[in-house]
Amino acid sequence: MLVPIAVAFTVGLLGYAYQALKPPPPKICGSPGGPPVTSPRVKLSDGRHLAYKETGVSKEVAKHKIIIIHGFDSTKDLPYPIPQELIEEFKIYFLFFDRPGYGESDPDPSRSVKSEAYDVQQLADKLQIGPKFYVIGISMGAYPVYGCLKYIPDRLSGAALVVPFVNYWWPCLPANLSTESLKRLPLQGQMTFRVAHYTPWLIYWWMTQKWFPSLNIKSGNTAAHCPQDMEILAKLSESPRDGQESKSQQQGVYESLHRDIITGYAKWEFDPTDLSNPFPDNEGSVHIWQGGEDRIIPSRVNRYISGKLPWIQYHEIPEAGHLLIFESKHWETILRALLHR
């Protein structure tokens, strides 16, 4: 009698565990019961759709075409204070898009650093913006830029990685540097990134369980922000954000945030320091922009990467934090350097 009861209990426990670990299905935009599609989209070769937004001057008259790659828990619609006079002076066309699973872009179950680079290329080709373009990746959106430098360098006019994401398990990083940098993060961040790297199949459970502290961007914890960032957050809170947070996660937190973390902290197919200079004749340039007071991205890691790749121009803004992109003066500096003006 005890054996059947034990078997039933074990089966029930495994069933509960499976349901706890299994992420919910995505709420795909445009599908029955899913969020509506309100933005223009392109269809990729695998059938997925990418939502996009075009700003600046028209692509027909533009001298510079720049694709902006948004960061974690964001979308193509996040407003950046890019000076209008600069846009007109340099005749810049901007192309923003929702990365897979974010906003109104379809999820990608096979999402990787490589796939996101080819998403950028397909988007550019579908919209016929030309054979060459610039890419700017912000925070978590920097890993697709590394992918572009690896897989589609011939399509680039230049690249900028702004407050760029770092993977603490890149083989190029000395063990003491990666370990010490990771330990400087809040404990919940350390644990979340370790789960994403070593046991990605646990990430949904880890991010939704209540027993241990996990990475919670809604927690209100200000320890990860320097005083400059706190001032910017206070200013942003005074103006409407058009439901930016809910729009970024409308297809499900797993397909947007969780899969983003898994992709970034997975084992990559290449090491950043193995990259080759895409502009050997100085016909373009690659830049890293780091806030000196950034408490989210360790400056010492980005400083090390750029030191190993002397063709990357490293810029550290001493007084700036992780949110430096919300100040127009920094956008002007970034764009002028990228466009060689």
C-alpha atoms as a PDB file:
ATOM      1  CA  MET A   1       0.000   0.000   0.000  1.00  0.00           C
ATOM      2  CA  LEU A   2       2.839   2.381   0.834  1.00  0.00           C
ATOM      3  CA  VAL A   3       4.583   1.932  -2.533  1.00  0.00           C
ATOM      4  CA  PRO A   4       1.673   3.215  -4.684  1.00  0.00           C
ATOM      5  CA  ILE A   5       1.244   6.158  -2.313  1.00  0.00           C
ATOM      6  CA  ALA A   6       4.951   7.000  -2.547  1.00  0.00           C
ATOM      7  CA  VAL A   7       4.842   6.727  -6.347  1.00  0.00           C
ATOM      8  CA  ALA A   8       1.777   8.955  -6.534  1.00  0.00           C
ATOM      9  CA  PHE A   9       3.408  11.495  -4.232  1.00  0.00           C
ATOM     10  CA  THR A  10       6.602  11.500  -6.317  1.00  0.00           C
ATOM     11  CA  VAL A  11       4.678  11.901  -9.577  1.00  0.00           C
ATOM     12  CA  GLY A  12       2.650  14.717  -8.075  1.00  0.00           C
ATOM     13  CA  LEU A  13       5.778  16.463  -6.800  1.00  0.00           C
ATOM     14  CA  LEU A  14       7.450  16.171 -10.202  1.00  0.00           C
ATOM     15  CA  GLY A  15       4.333  17.533 -11.871  1.00  0.00           C
ATOM     16  CA  TYR A  16       4.316  20.510  -9.513  1.00  0.00           C
ATOM     17  CA  ALA A  17       8.017  21.120 -10.134  1.00  0.00           C
ATOM     18  CA  TYR A  18       7.510  20.946 -13.894  1.00  0.00           C
ATOM     19  CA  GLN A  19       4.715  23.512 -13.768  1.00  0.00           C
ATOM     20  CA  ALA A  20       6.782  25.769 -11.496  1.00  0.00           C
ATOM     21  CA  LEU A  21       9.772  25.665 -13.836  1.00  0.00           C
ATOM     22  CA  LYS A  22       7.819  25.930 -17.076  1.00  0.00           C
ATOM     23  CA  PRO A  23       7.366  29.518 -18.309  1.00  0.00           C
ATOM     24  CA  PRO A  24       3.902  30.506 -19.514  1.00  0.00           C
ATOM     25  CA  PRO A  25       3.258  30.714 -23.270  1.00  0.00           C
ATOM     26  CA  PRO A  26       3.894  34.134 -24.819  1.00  0.00           C
ATOM     27  CA  LYS A  27       1.024  36.493 -25.602  1.00  0.00           C
ATOM     28  CA  ILE A  28       2.073  37.090 -29.197  1.00  0.00           C
ATOM     29  CA  CYS A  29       1.084  40.468 -30.605  1.00  0.00           C
ATOM     30  CA  GLY A  30      -1.635  40.207 -33.224  1.00  0.00           C
ATOM     31  CA  SER A  31      -2.608  36.647 -32.268  1.00  0.00           C
ATOM     32  CA  PRO A  32      -6.043  35.785 -30.818  1.00  0.00           C
ATOM     33  CA  GLY A  33      -6.093  37.061 -27.248  1.00  0.00           C
ATOM     34  CA  GLY A  34      -2.695  38.722 -27.626  1.00  0.00           C
ATOM     35  CA  PRO A  35      -1.851  42.432 -27.553  1.00  0.00           C
ATOM     36  CA  PRO A  36      -2.777  44.406 -30.678  1.00  0.00           C
ATOM     37  CA  VAL A  37      -0.247  45.448 -33.294  1.00  0.00           C
ATOM     38  CA  THR A  38      -0.030  49.242 -33.435  1.00  0.00           C
ATOM     39  CA  SER A  39       3.373  49.744 -35.064  1.00  0.00           C
ATOM     40  CA  PRO A  40       4.723  48.936 -38.528  1.00  0.00           C
ATOM     41  CA  ARG A  41       6.487  45.583 -38.672  1.00  0.00           C
ATOM     42  CA  VAL A  42       8.670  43.614 -41.090  1.00  0.00           C
ATOM     43  CA  LYS A  43       8.524  39.862 -41.613  1.00  0.00           C
ATOM     44  CA  LEU A  44      11.838  38.038 -41.257  1.00  0.00           C
ATOM     45  CA  SER A  45      12.982  34.931 -43.135  1.00  0.00           C
ATOM     46  CA  ASP A  46      11.925  32.619 -40.284  1.00  0.00           C
ATOM     47  CA  GLY A  47       8.413  34.092 -40.175  1.00  0.00           C
ATOM     48  CA  ARG A  48       8.900  36.291 -37.120  1.00  0.00           C
ATOM     49  CA  HIS A  49       7.984  39.966 -37.145  1.00  0.00           C
ATOM     50  CA  LEU A  50      10.029  42.919 -35.895  1.00  0.00           C
ATOM     51  CA  ALA A  51       8.272  46.154 -34.957  1.00  0.00           C
ATOM     52  CA  TYR A  52      10.125  49.345 -35.817  1.00  0.00           C
ATOM     53  CA  LYS A  53      10.004  53.132 -35.720  1.00  0.00           C
ATOM     54  CA  GLU A  54      11.724  55.639 -38.010  1.00  0.00           C
ATOM     55  CA  THR A  55      12.670  59.154 -36.884  1.00  0.00           C
ATOM     56  CA  GLY A  56      15.014  61.937 -37.931  1.00  0.00           C
ATOM     57  CA  VAL A  57      15.281  62.944 -41.560  1.00  0.00           C
ATOM     58  CA  SER A  58      13.958  60.659 -44.287  1.00  0.00           C
ATOM     59  CA  LYS A  59      16.220  57.843 -45.408  1.00  0.00           C
ATOM     60  CA  GLU A  60      16.136  59.245 -48.939  1.00  0.00           C
ATOM     61  CA  VAL A  61      17.973  62.422 -47.944  1.00  0.00           C
ATOM     62  CA  ALA A  62      19.929  61.113 -44.936  1.00  0.00           C
ATOM     63  CA  LYS A  63      23.715  61.236 -44.926  1.00  0.00           C
ATOM     64  CA  HIS A  64      23.951  58.976 -41.874  1.00  0.00           C
ATOM     65  CA  LYS A  65      21.677  56.035 -41.024  1.00  0.00           C
ATOM     66  CA  ILE A  66      21.777  54.799 -37.445  1.00  0.00           C
ATOM     67  CA  ILE A  67      20.063  51.775 -35.919  1.00  0.00           C
ATOM     68  CA  ILE A  68      19.459  52.163 -32.174  1.00  0.00           C
ATOM     69  CA  ILE A  69      19.303  48.924 -30.137  1.00  0.00           C
ATOM     70  CA  HIS A  70      17.436  49.338 -26.861  1.00  0.00           C
ATOM     71  CA  GLY A  71      18.385  47.861 -23.515  1.00  0.00           C
ATOM     72  CA  PHE A  72      16.785  45.745 -20.804  1.00  0.00           C
ATOM     73  CA  ASP A  73      13.047  46.189 -20.125  1.00  0.00           C
ATOM     74  CA  SER A  74      12.732  48.817 -22.831  1.00  0.00           C
ATOM     75  CA  THR A  75      11.292  49.260 -26.329  1.00  0.00           C
ATOM     76  CA  LYS A  76      11.782  51.223 -29.525  1.00  0.00           C
ATOM     77  CA  ASP A  77       9.493  53.922 -28.118  1.00  0.00           C
ATOM     78  CA  LEU A  78      11.671  55.017 -25.197  1.00  0.00           C
ATOM     79  CA  PRO A  79      12.229  58.749 -25.823  1.00  0.00           C
ATOM     80  CA  TYR A  80      15.869  59.838 -25.938  1.00  0.00           C
ATOM     81  CA  PRO A  81      16.840  63.530 -25.707  1.00  0.00           C
ATOM     82  CA  ILE A  82      18.725  63.622 -29.016  1.00  0.00           C
ATOM     83  CA  PRO A  83      19.139  67.293 -30.036  1.00  0.00           C
ATOM     84  CA  GLN A  84      16.975  68.082 -33.059  1.00  0.00           C
ATOM     85  CA  GLU A  85      19.474  70.614 -34.350  1.00  0.00           C
ATOM     86  CA  LEU A  86      22.127  67.887 -34.419  1.00  0.00           C
ATOM     87  CA  ILE A  87      19.815  65.602 -36.387  1.00  0.00           C
ATOM     88  CA  GLU A  88      19.257  68.315 -38.962  1.00  0.00           C
ATOM     89  CA  GLU A  89      22.901  69.409 -39.060  1.00  0.00           C
ATOM     90  CA  PHE A  90      24.152  65.884 -39.865  1.00  0.00           C
ATOM     91  CA  LYS A  91      21.005  64.715 -41.683  1.00  0.00           C
ATOM     92  CA  ILE A  92      20.573  61.638 -39.499  1.00  0.00           C
ATOM     93  CA  TYR A  93      17.970  58.943 -40.091  1.00  0.00           C
ATOM     94  CA  PHE A  94      17.239  56.825 -36.992  1.00  0.00           C
ATOM     95  CA  LEU A  95      15.778  53.328 -37.039  1.00  0.00           C
ATOM     96  CA  PHE A  96      14.529  51.956 -33.715  1.00  0.00           C
ATOM     97  CA  PHE A  97      13.095  48.463 -33.279  1.00  0.00           C
ATOM     98  CA  ASP A  98      11.728  46.175 -30.579  1.00  0.00           C
ATOM     99  CA  ARG A  99      14.135  43.341 -29.928  1.00  0.00           C
ATOM    100  CA  PRO A 100      12.663  39.784 -29.972  1.00  0.00           C
ATOM    101  CA  GLY A 101       9.954  39.281 -27.369  1.00  0.00           C
ATOM    102  CA  TYR A 102       9.900  42.968 -26.443  1.00  0.00           C
ATOM    103  CA  GLY A 103       7.114  45.368 -27.350  1.00  0.00           C
ATOM    104  CA  GLU A 104       5.464  44.226 -30.568  1.00  0.00           C
ATOM    105  CA  SER A 105       8.271  42.045 -31.966  1.00  0.00           C
ATOM    106  CA  ASP A 106       7.652  38.308 -31.990  1.00  0.00           C
ATOM    107  CA  PRO A 107       9.568  36.140 -29.498  1.00  0.00           C
ATOM    108  CA  ASP A 108      12.503  34.081 -30.746  1.00  0.00           C
ATOM    109  CA  PRO A 109      12.878  30.682 -29.004  1.00  0.00           C
ATOM    110  CA  SER A 110      16.315  30.344 -30.618  1.00  0.00           C
ATOM    111  CA  ARG A 111      17.464  33.811 -29.618  1.00  0.00           C
ATOM    112  CA  SER A 112      21.236  34.283 -29.463  1.00  0.00           C
ATOM    113  CA  VAL A 113      23.898  36.938 -29.905  1.00  0.00           C
ATOM    114  CA  LYS A 114      24.241  35.742 -33.504  1.00  0.00           C
ATOM    115  CA  SER A 115      20.516  35.755 -34.284  1.00  0.00           C
ATOM    116  CA  GLU A 116      20.094  39.291 -32.967  1.00  0.00           C
ATOM    117  CA  ALA A 117      22.885  40.508 -35.265  1.00  0.00           C
ATOM    118  CA  TYR A 118      21.159  38.961 -38.267  1.00  0.00           C
ATOM    119  CA  ASP A 119      17.851  40.478 -37.129  1.00  0.00           C
ATOM    120  CA  VAL A 120      19.530  43.878 -37.462  1.00  0.00           C
ATOM    121  CA  GLN A 121      20.767  43.014 -40.947  1.00  0.00           C
ATOM    122  CA  GLN A 122      17.377  41.730 -42.125  1.00  0.00           C
ATOM    123  CA  LEU A 123      15.601  44.776 -40.734  1.00  0.00           C
ATOM    124  CA  ALA A 124      17.988  47.084 -42.597  1.00  0.00           C
ATOM    125  CA  ASP A 125      17.482  45.149 -45.829  1.00  0.00           C
ATOM    126  CA  LYS A 126      13.696  44.967 -45.520  1.00  0.00           C
ATOM    127  CA  LEU A 127      13.530  48.738 -45.078  1.00  0.00           C
ATOM    128  CA  GLN A 128      16.141  49.307 -47.795  1.00  0.00           C
ATOM    129  CA  ILE A 129      18.283  51.704 -45.814  1.00  0.00           C
ATOM    130  CA  GLY A 130      21.366  50.814 -47.825  1.00  0.00           C
ATOM    131  CA  PRO A 131      24.424  48.566 -47.649  1.00  0.00           C
ATOM    132  CA  LYS A 132      26.027  50.446 -44.740  1.00  0.00           C
ATOM    133  CA  PHE A 133      24.670  51.742 -41.443  1.00  0.00           C
ATOM    134  CA  TYR A 134      25.750  52.636 -37.910  1.00  0.00           C
ATOM    135  CA  VAL A 135      24.645  50.713 -34.816  1.00  0.00           C
ATOM    136  CA  ILE A 136      24.342  52.062 -31.279  1.00  0.00           C
ATOM    137  CA  GLY A 137      23.611  49.553 -28.513  1.00  0.00           C
ATOM    138  CA  ILE A 138      22.551  50.741 -25.086  1.00  0.00           C
ATOM    139  CA  SER A 139      23.277  48.694 -21.937  1.00  0.00           C
ATOM    140  CA  MET A 140      21.884  45.178 -22.575  1.00  0.00           C
ATOM    141  CA  GLY A 141      21.439  46.227 -26.192  1.00  0.00           C
ATOM    142  CA  ALA A 142      25.222  46.237 -26.554  1.00  0.00           C
ATOM    143  CA  TYR A 143      25.527  42.468 -26.900  1.00  0.00           C
ATOM    144  CA  PRO A 144      23.760  42.595 -30.308  1.00  0.00           C
ATOM    145  CA  VAL A 145      26.384  45.190 -31.313  1.00  0.00           C
ATOM    146  CA  TYR A 146      29.129  42.716 -30.420  1.00  0.00           C
ATOM    147  CA  GLY A 147      27.210  40.278 -32.629  1.00  0.00           C
ATOM    148  CA  CYS A 148      27.173  42.803 -35.473  1.00  0.00           C
ATOM    149  CA  LEU A 149      30.935  43.310 -35.126  1.00  0.00           C
ATOM    150  CA  LYS A 150      31.401  39.539 -35.331  1.00  0.00           C
ATOM    151  CA  TYR A 151      28.885  38.430 -37.945  1.00  0.00           C
ATOM    152  CA  ILE A 152      28.072  41.435 -40.170  1.00  0.00           C
ATOM    153  CA  PRO A 153      31.099  43.774 -39.922  1.00  0.00           C
ATOM    154  CA  ASP A 154      30.928  44.514 -43.655  1.00  0.00           C
ATOM    155  CA  ARG A 155      27.541  46.204 -43.148  1.00  0.00           C
ATOM    156  CA  LEU A 156      28.760  48.683 -40.557  1.00  0.00           C
ATOM    157  CA  SER A 157      29.731  52.324 -41.001  1.00  0.00           C
ATOM    158  CA  GLY A 158      30.541  52.542 -37.290  1.00  0.00           C
ATOM    159  CA  ALA A 159      29.411  51.296 -33.905  1.00  0.00           C
ATOM    160  CA  ALA A 160      28.954  52.611 -30.382  1.00  0.00           C
ATOM    161  CA  LEU A 161      28.402  50.577 -27.219  1.00  0.00           C
ATOM    162  CA  VAL A 162      26.917  52.866 -24.585  1.00  0.00           C
ATOM    163  CA  VAL A 163      27.125  51.797 -20.906  1.00  0.00           C
ATOM    164  CA  PRO A 164      27.537  48.320 -22.412  1.00  0.00           C
ATOM    165  CA  PHE A 165      26.563  45.009 -20.882  1.00  0.00           C
ATOM    166  CA  VAL A 166      29.385  42.687 -19.842  1.00  0.00           C
ATOM    167  CA  ASN A 167      29.323  38.904 -19.513  1.00  0.00           C
ATOM    168  CA  TYR A 168      31.299  37.884 -16.421  1.00  0.00           C
ATOM    169  CA  TRP A 169      32.033  34.497 -18.010  1.00  0.00           C
ATOM    170  CA  TRP A 170      33.812  35.761 -21.116  1.00  0.00           C
ATOM    171  CA  PRO A 171      36.981  33.618 -21.301  1.00  0.00           C
ATOM    172  CA  CYS A 172      39.078  36.697 -22.068  1.00  0.00           C
ATOM    173  CA  LEU A 173      38.505  38.157 -18.608  1.00  0.00           C
ATOM    174  CA  PRO A 174      41.086  37.326 -15.933  1.00  0.00           C
ATOM    175  CA  ALA A 175      39.453  35.301 -13.174  1.00  0.00           C
ATOM    176  CA  ASN A 176      40.186  37.907 -10.503  1.00  0.00           C
ATOM    177  CA  LEU A 177      38.686  40.692 -12.623  1.00  0.00           C
ATOM    178  CA  SER A 178      35.440  38.861 -13.426  1.00  0.00           C
ATOM    179  CA  THR A 179      35.009  37.517  -9.883  1.00  0.00           C
ATOM    180  CA  GLU A 180      35.685  40.822  -8.162  1.00  0.00           C
ATOM    181  CA  SER A 181      33.453  42.733 -10.601  1.00  0.00           C
ATOM    182  CA  LEU A 182      30.573  40.300 -10.129  1.00  0.00           C
ATOM    183  CA  LYS A 183      30.884  40.471  -6.335  1.00  0.00           C
ATOM    184  CA  ARG A 184      30.480  44.243  -6.430  1.00  0.00           C
ATOM    185  CA  LEU A 185      26.917  43.802  -7.647  1.00  0.00           C
ATOM    186  CA  PRO A 186      23.960  43.422  -5.260  1.00  0.00           C
ATOM    187  CA  LEU A 187      23.537  39.800  -4.149  1.00  0.00           C
ATOM    188  CA  GLN A 188      20.313  39.331  -6.106  1.00  0.00           C
ATOM    189  CA  GLY A 189      22.063  40.406  -9.291  1.00  0.00           C
ATOM    190  CA  GLN A 190      24.976  38.039  -8.692  1.00  0.00           C
ATOM    191  CA  MET A 191      22.676  35.080  -8.096  1.00  0.00           C
ATOM    192  CA  THR A 192      20.421  35.849 -11.074  1.00  0.00           C
ATOM    193  CA  PHE A 193      23.320  36.077 -13.511  1.00  0.00           C
ATOM    194  CA  ARG A 194      24.785  32.829 -12.172  1.00  0.00           C
ATOM    195  CA  VAL A 195      21.452  31.054 -12.632  1.00  0.00           C
ATOM    196  CA  ALA A 196      21.187  32.432 -16.190  1.00  0.00           C
ATOM    197  CA  HIS A 197      24.687  31.215 -17.030  1.00  0.00           C
ATOM    198  CA  TYR A 198      24.806  27.812 -15.329  1.00  0.00           C
ATOM    199  CA  THR A 199      21.145  26.692 -15.172  1.00  0.00           C
ATOM    200  CA  PRO A 200      19.137  28.810 -17.638  1.00  0.00           C
ATOM    201  CA  TRP A 201      16.233  26.343 -17.490  1.00  0.00           C
ATOM    202  CA  LEU A 202      15.715  27.537 -13.894  1.00  0.00           C
ATOM    203  CA  ILE A 203      15.504  31.230 -14.703  1.00  0.00           C
ATOM    204  CA  TYR A 204      11.699  31.498 -14.777  1.00  0.00           C
ATOM    205  CA  TRP A 205      11.359  29.773 -11.422  1.00  0.00           C
ATOM    206  CA  TRP A 206      14.199  31.824  -9.973  1.00  0.00           C
ATOM    207  CA  MET A 207      12.740  35.138 -11.121  1.00  0.00           C
ATOM    208  CA  THR A 208       9.252  34.327  -9.837  1.00  0.00           C
ATOM    209  CA  GLN A 209       9.946  32.455  -6.577  1.00  0.00           C
ATOM    210  CA  LYS A 210       9.532  34.254  -3.241  1.00  0.00           C
ATOM    211  CA  TRP A 211      11.955  32.388  -0.963  1.00  0.00           C
ATOM    212  CA  PHE A 212      15.255  33.929  -2.056  1.00  0.00           C
ATOM    213  CA  PRO A 213      16.091  37.427  -3.316  1.00  0.00           C
ATOM    214  CA  SER A 214      16.200  37.557  -7.122  1.00  0.00           C
ATOM    215  CA  LEU A 215      16.746  40.396  -9.555  1.00  0.00           C
ATOM    216  CA  ASN A 216      13.641  42.562  -9.291  1.00  0.00           C
ATOM    217  CA  ILE A 217      13.728  45.729 -11.320  1.00  0.00           C
ATOM    218  CA  LYS A 218      10.471  46.829  -9.687  1.00  0.00           C
ATOM    219  CA  SER A 219      11.803  46.463  -6.147  1.00  0.00           C
ATOM    220  CA  GLY A 220      12.592  50.138  -5.704  1.00  0.00           C
ATOM    221  CA  ASN A 221      16.111  49.306  -4.531  1.00  0.00           C
ATOM    222  CA  THR A 222      18.229  52.399  -5.231  1.00  0.00           C
ATOM    223  CA  ALA A 223      21.568  50.851  -4.255  1.00  0.00           C
ATOM    224  CA  ALA A 224      22.369  50.206  -7.920  1.00  0.00           C
ATOM    225  CA  HIS A 225      22.073  53.889  -8.832  1.00  0.00           C
ATOM    226  CA  CYS A 226      24.563  56.658  -8.209  1.00  0.00           C
ATOM    227  CA  PRO A 227      23.392  60.165  -7.171  1.00  0.00           C
ATOM    228  CA  GLN A 228      23.479  61.343 -10.807  1.00  0.00           C
ATOM    229  CA  ASP A 229      21.211  58.485 -11.835  1.00  0.00           C
ATOM    230  CA  MET A 230      18.826  59.253  -8.987  1.00  0.00           C
ATOM    231  CA  GLU A 231      18.517  62.842 -10.187  1.00  0.00           C
ATOM    232  CA  ILE A 232      17.701  61.632 -13.692  1.00  0.00           C
ATOM    233  CA  LEU A 233      15.139  59.146 -12.361  1.00  0.00           C
ATOM    234  CA  ALA A 234      13.475  61.944 -10.396  1.00  0.00           C
ATOM    235  CA  LYS A 235      13.202  64.066 -13.557  1.00  0.00           C
ATOM    236  CA  LEU A 236      11.867  61.149 -15.600  1.00  0.00           C
ATOM    237  CA  SER A 237       9.203  60.461 -12.989  1.00  0.00           C
ATOM    238  CA  GLU A 238       7.828  63.961 -13.527  1.00  0.00           C
ATOM    239  CA  SER A 239       7.007  63.294 -17.184  1.00  0.00           C
ATOM    240  CA  PRO A 240       4.701  60.600 -18.615  1.00  0.00           C
ATOM    241  CA  ARG A 241       6.411  57.496 -19.999  1.00  0.00           C
ATOM    242  CA  ASP A 242       3.449  56.245 -22.095  1.00  0.00           C
ATOM    243  CA  GLY A 243       3.339  52.893 -20.299  1.00  0.00           C
ATOM    244  CA  GLN A 244       6.888  52.020 -21.354  1.00  0.00           C
ATOM    245  CA  GLU A 245       7.290  49.249 -18.767  1.00  0.00           C
ATOM    246  CA  SER A 246       4.016  47.476 -19.561  1.00  0.00           C
ATOM    247  CA  LYS A 247       4.677  47.738 -23.312  1.00  0.00           C
ATOM    248  CA  SER A 248       8.087  46.108 -22.997  1.00  0.00           C
ATOM    249  CA  GLN A 249       6.675  43.045 -21.210  1.00  0.00           C
ATOM    250  CA  GLN A 250       3.294  42.741 -22.910  1.00  0.00           C
ATOM    251  CA  GLN A 251       4.186  39.386 -24.522  1.00  0.00           C
ATOM    252  CA  GLY A 252       5.276  37.959 -21.175  1.00  0.00           C
ATOM    253  CA  VAL A 253       8.133  38.548 -18.793  1.00  0.00           C
ATOM    254  CA  TYR A 254       9.877  35.341 -19.833  1.00  0.00           C
ATOM    255  CA  GLU A 255      10.046  36.154 -23.554  1.00  0.00           C
ATOM    256  CA  SER A 256      11.256  39.696 -22.911  1.00  0.00           C
ATOM    257  CA  LEU A 257      13.313  40.041 -19.729  1.00  0.00           C
ATOM    258  CA  HIS A 258      14.201  36.455 -18.852  1.00  0.00           C
ATOM    259  CA  ARG A 259      15.240  35.385 -22.342  1.00  0.00           C
ATOM    260  CA  ASP A 260      17.283  38.574 -22.666  1.00  0.00           C
ATOM    261  CA  ILE A 261      19.250  37.688 -19.523  1.00  0.00           C
ATOM    262  CA  ILE A 262      19.718  34.081 -20.653  1.00  0.00           C
ATOM    263  CA  THR A 263      21.012  35.154 -24.073  1.00  0.00           C
ATOM    264  CA  GLY A 264      23.440  37.712 -22.685  1.00  0.00           C
ATOM    265  CA  TYR A 265      24.933  35.492 -19.988  1.00  0.00           C
ATOM    266  CA  ALA A 266      25.054  32.274 -21.989  1.00  0.00           C
ATOM    267  CA  LYS A 267      28.288  30.803 -23.310  1.00  0.00           C
ATOM    268  CA  TRP A 268      29.043  32.802 -26.451  1.00  0.00           C
ATOM    269  CA  GLU A 269      30.300  31.407 -29.741  1.00  0.00           C
ATOM    270  CA  PHE A 270      33.122  33.934 -29.669  1.00  0.00           C
ATOM    271  CA  ASP A 271      35.143  36.040 -27.265  1.00  0.00           C
ATOM    272  CA  PRO A 272      34.992  39.842 -27.628  1.00  0.00           C
ATOM    273  CA  THR A 273      38.786  40.072 -27.697  1.00  0.00           C
ATOM    274  CA  ASP A 274      38.831  37.745 -30.722  1.00  0.00           C
ATOM    275  CA  LEU A 275      37.057  40.361 -32.833  1.00  0.00           C
ATOM    276  CA  SER A 276      38.908  41.900 -35.767  1.00  0.00           C
ATOM    277  CA  ASN A 277      38.994  45.591 -36.558  1.00  0.00           C
ATOM    278  CA  PRO A 278      36.139  46.168 -39.046  1.00  0.00           C
ATOM    279  CA  PHE A 279      37.741  49.442 -40.155  1.00  0.00           C
ATOM    280  CA  PRO A 280      41.433  48.748 -40.879  1.00  0.00           C
ATOM    281  CA  ASP A 281      41.649  51.812 -43.110  1.00  0.00           C
ATOM    282  CA  ASN A 282      39.957  54.104 -40.547  1.00  0.00           C
ATOM    283  CA  GLU A 283      36.850  54.386 -42.716  1.00  0.00           C
ATOM    284  CA  GLY A 284      34.770  54.000 -39.570  1.00  0.00           C
ATOM    285  CA  SER A 285      35.177  53.709 -35.808  1.00  0.00           C
ATOM    286  CA  VAL A 286      33.992  51.740 -32.786  1.00  0.00           C
ATOM    287  CA  HIS A 287      33.430  53.368 -29.389  1.00  0.00           C
ATOM    288  CA  ILE A 288      32.676  52.318 -25.833  1.00  0.00           C
ATOM    289  CA  TRP A 289      31.032  54.941 -23.630  1.00  0.00           C
ATOM    290  CA  GLN A 290      31.168  54.295 -19.893  1.00  0.00           C
ATOM    291  CA  GLY A 291      29.840  56.265 -16.955  1.00  0.00           C
ATOM    292  CA  GLY A 292      32.538  56.710 -14.337  1.00  0.00           C
ATOM    293  CA  GLU A 293      29.924  56.468 -11.571  1.00  0.00           C
ATOM    294  CA  ASP A 294      28.008  53.564 -13.137  1.00  0.00           C
ATOM    295  CA  ARG A 295      27.100  51.042 -10.422  1.00  0.00           C
ATOM    296  CA  ILE A 296      25.393  48.608 -12.793  1.00  0.00           C
ATOM    297  CA  ILE A 297      28.132  48.087 -15.383  1.00  0.00           C
ATOM    298  CA  PRO A 298      31.696  47.760 -14.022  1.00  0.00           C
ATOM    299  CA  SER A 299      33.926  50.283 -15.782  1.00  0.00           C
ATOM    300  CA  ARG A 300      37.028  48.195 -15.097  1.00  0.00           C
ATOM    301  CA  VAL A 301      35.732  45.383 -17.329  1.00  0.00           C
ATOM    302  CA  ASN A 302      34.971  47.657 -20.276  1.00  0.00           C
ATOM    303  CA  ARG A 303      38.299  49.362 -19.743  1.00  0.00           C
ATOM    304  CA  TYR A 304      39.998  45.965 -19.936  1.00  0.00           C
ATOM    305  CA  ILE A 305      38.132  44.949 -23.126  1.00  0.00           C
ATOM    306  CA  SER A 306      39.027  48.176 -24.918  1.00  0.00           C
ATOM    307  CA  GLY A 307      42.636  47.791 -23.753  1.00  0.00           C
ATOM    308  CA  LYS A 308      42.777  44.410 -25.506  1.00  0.00           C
ATOM    309  CA  LEU A 309      41.216  45.890 -28.647  1.00  0.00           C
ATOM    310  CA  PRO A 310      43.081  49.151 -29.305  1.00  0.00           C
ATOM    311  CA  TRP A 311      40.874  49.904 -32.317  1.00  0.00           C
ATOM    312  CA  ILE A 312      37.990  50.479 -29.906  1.00  0.00           C
ATOM    313  CA  GLN A 313      37.976  54.047 -28.618  1.00  0.00           C
ATOM    314  CA  TYR A 314      37.176  54.015 -24.901  1.00  0.00           C
ATOM    315  CA  HIS A 315      35.496  57.058 -23.347  1.00  0.00           C
ATOM    316  CA  GLU A 316      34.748  57.378 -19.648  1.00  0.00           C
ATOM    317  CA  ILE A 317      32.542  60.243 -18.495  1.00  0.00           C
ATOM    318  CA  PRO A 318      33.650  60.768 -14.878  1.00  0.00           C
ATOM    319  CA  GLU A 319      30.484  62.292 -13.435  1.00  0.00           C
ATOM    320  CA  ALA A 320      27.990  60.125 -15.334  1.00  0.00           C
ATOM    321  CA  GLY A 321      26.131  57.018 -14.208  1.00  0.00           C
ATOM    322  CA  HIS A 322      24.292  54.268 -16.057  1.00  0.00           C
ATOM    323  CA  LEU A 323      21.541  56.609 -17.239  1.00  0.00           C
ATOM    324  CA  LEU A 324      23.784  59.004 -19.132  1.00  0.00           C
ATOM    325  CA  ILE A 325      21.705  58.485 -22.309  1.00  0.00           C
ATOM    326  CA  PHE A 326      18.964  60.613 -20.759  1.00  0.00           C
ATOM    327  CA  GLU A 327      21.093  63.740 -21.017  1.00  0.00           C
ATOM    328  CA  SER A 328      21.185  65.427 -24.413  1.00  0.00           C
ATOM    329  CA  LYS A 329      24.747  66.685 -23.961  1.00  0.00           C
ATOM    330  CA  HIS A 330      25.997  63.098 -23.900  1.00  0.00           C
ATOM    331  CA  TRP A 331      24.063  62.214 -27.049  1.00  0.00           C
ATOM    332  CA  GLU A 332      25.729  65.079 -28.872  1.00  0.00           C
ATOM    333  CA  THR A 333      29.176  63.909 -27.743  1.00  0.00           C
ATOM    334  CA  ILE A 334      28.446  60.289 -28.716  1.00  0.00           C
ATOM    335  CA  LEU A 335      27.065  61.150 -32.145  1.00  0.00           C
ATOM    336  CA  ARG A 336      29.789  63.629 -33.048  1.00  0.00           C
ATOM    337  CA  ALA A 337      32.474  61.060 -32.203  1.00  0.00           C
ATOM    338  CA  LEU A 338      30.703  58.307 -34.137  1.00  0.00           C
ATOM    339  CA  LEU A 339      30.160  60.458 -37.205  1.00  0.00           C
ATOM    340  CA  HIS A 340      33.726  61.833 -37.102  1.00  0.00           C
ATOM    341  CA  ARG A 341      32.587  65.432 -36.682  1.00  0.00           C
END
